Amino acid sequence: MKKQNLNPKNDNVNDDEDMFVDIELDDGTVTCKIITIFECDKKDYIAILPVDENEKPISEDVWIYGYSEDAEGNPDLHYIDDDEEYDAAADAFDEYLDEQMFNGLQ
């Protein structure tokens, strides 16, 4: 899979609003909800959830991509080819989910 383009759907988003992006894949465009951008081993990653036109999840699978920004601050997604890197990013995302659940219990 090639590098993916990240096209934010909400330009003026405050922290209380969900943000969505269009992901251009080889077989078409998929709208995804941004769950979080996080760091693992000094690299940035993004966790996204594919949604339908009503912003409802179309699966339970979260997609994790490498995340970066170009010199102008435009975001870009990168497919993670290395299994060990992907596993480390997935573990870091699981830790994020655990932390969110723990914080929700307090």
Protein backbone atom coordinates (compact mmCIF):
# COMPACT_ATOMS: atom_id res chain seq x y z
CA MET A 1 0.00 0.00 0.00
CA LYS A 2 1.31 3.44 -0.85
CA LYS A 3 1.49 6.61 1.22
CA GLN A 4 -2.00 7.87 2.05
CA ASN A 5 -3.30 11.42 1.80
CA LEU A 6 -4.97 12.91 4.85
CA ASN A 7 -7.71 15.39 4.05
CA PRO A 8 -9.33 16.87 7.19
CA LYS A 9 -13.09 17.32 6.89
CA ASN A 10 -13.40 19.81 9.77
CA ASP A 11 -11.10 22.84 9.50
CA ASN A 12 -12.12 24.62 12.71
CA VAL A 13 -12.44 21.87 15.25
CA ASN A 14 -12.42 22.43 18.99
CA ASP A 15 -11.37 19.75 21.44
CA ASP A 16 -14.98 18.68 22.09
CA GLU A 17 -15.76 17.87 18.44
CA ASP A 18 -14.88 14.73 16.53
CA MET A 19 -12.56 15.13 13.57
CA PHE A 20 -12.83 13.10 10.40
CA VAL A 21 -10.51 12.52 7.47
CA ASP A 22 -10.88 11.10 4.00
CA ILE A 23 -8.37 8.36 3.26
CA GLU A 24 -7.62 7.75 -0.41
CA LEU A 25 -7.07 4.02 -0.94
CA ASP A 26 -6.41 2.12 -4.16
CA ASP A 27 -10.08 1.12 -4.40
CA GLY A 28 -11.68 4.45 -3.40
CA THR A 29 -12.03 6.96 -0.60
CA VAL A 30 -13.00 6.03 2.96
CA THR A 31 -14.07 8.54 5.63
CA CYS A 32 -12.52 7.85 9.03
CA LYS A 33 -12.90 9.28 12.51
CA ILE A 34 -9.61 10.29 14.09
CA ILE A 35 -9.33 8.54 17.44
CA THR A 36 -5.92 9.89 18.44
CA ILE A 37 -2.44 10.80 17.29
CA PHE A 38 0.17 9.24 19.55
CA GLU A 39 3.91 8.65 19.84
CA CYS A 40 5.76 5.34 20.04
CA ASP A 41 9.54 4.95 19.90
CA LYS A 42 9.95 8.62 18.94
CA LYS A 43 7.64 8.26 15.90
CA ASP A 44 4.12 9.59 15.48
CA TYR A 45 1.15 7.39 14.63
CA ILE A 46 -2.55 7.98 14.04
CA ALA A 47 -5.44 5.68 14.98
CA ILE A 48 -8.53 6.04 12.80
CA LEU A 49 -11.88 4.28 12.56
CA PRO A 50 -13.69 3.90 9.20
CA VAL A 51 -17.24 5.32 9.31
CA ASP A 52 -20.23 5.55 6.99
CA GLU A 53 -21.97 8.72 5.75
CA ASN A 54 -23.81 8.96 9.12
CA GLU A 55 -20.50 8.85 11.02
CA LYS A 56 -21.28 5.35 12.34
CA PRO A 57 -18.43 2.81 12.44
CA ILE A 58 -18.48 0.38 9.52
CA SER A 59 -16.31 -2.10 11.43
CA GLU A 60 -14.73 -2.56 14.83
CA ASP A 61 -11.24 -2.50 13.33
CA VAL A 62 -9.10 0.53 14.10
CA TRP A 63 -6.53 1.41 11.45
CA ILE A 64 -3.09 2.52 12.61
CA TYR A 65 -0.80 4.46 10.28
CA GLY A 66 2.45 6.31 10.62
CA TYR A 67 1.80 10.05 10.86
CA SER A 68 3.89 13.03 9.82
CA GLU A 69 3.53 16.60 8.61
CA ASP A 70 5.33 18.27 5.72
CA ALA A 71 7.21 21.58 5.95
CA GLU A 72 3.92 23.50 5.63
CA GLY A 73 2.25 21.51 8.39
CA ASN A 74 0.08 19.41 6.08
CA PRO A 75 -0.54 15.96 7.59
CA ASP A 76 0.40 12.74 5.82
CA LEU A 77 -0.24 9.05 6.58
CA HIS A 78 2.22 6.23 5.95
CA TYR A 79 1.44 2.53 5.77
CA ILE A 80 3.48 0.57 8.33
CA ASP A 81 5.32 -2.19 6.43
CA ASP A 82 7.34 -3.58 9.32
CA ASP A 83 5.48 -6.08 11.54
CA GLU A 84 7.54 -5.25 14.64
CA GLU A 85 6.93 -1.53 14.20
CA TYR A 86 3.20 -2.14 13.70
CA ASP A 87 3.02 -4.36 16.79
CA ALA A 88 4.79 -1.70 18.88
CA ALA A 89 2.40 1.00 17.62
CA ALA A 90 -0.62 -1.25 18.28
CA ASP A 91 0.63 -1.92 21.83
CA ALA A 92 1.05 1.82 22.41
CA PHE A 93 -2.50 2.39 21.15
CA ASP A 94 -3.78 -0.33 23.51
CA GLU A 95 -2.04 1.49 26.37
CA TYR A 96 -3.78 4.70 25.28
CA LEU A 97 -7.16 2.90 25.39
CA ASP A 98 -6.39 1.49 28.84
CA GLU A 99 -5.46 4.96 30.07
CA GLN A 100 -8.66 6.45 28.66
CA MET A 101 -10.72 3.73 30.35
CA PHE A 102 -8.89 4.25 33.65
CA ASN A 103 -9.37 8.03 33.46
CA GLY A 104 -13.05 7.51 32.74
CA LEU A 105 -13.42 5.52 35.96
CA GLN A 106 -11.99 8.31 38.13
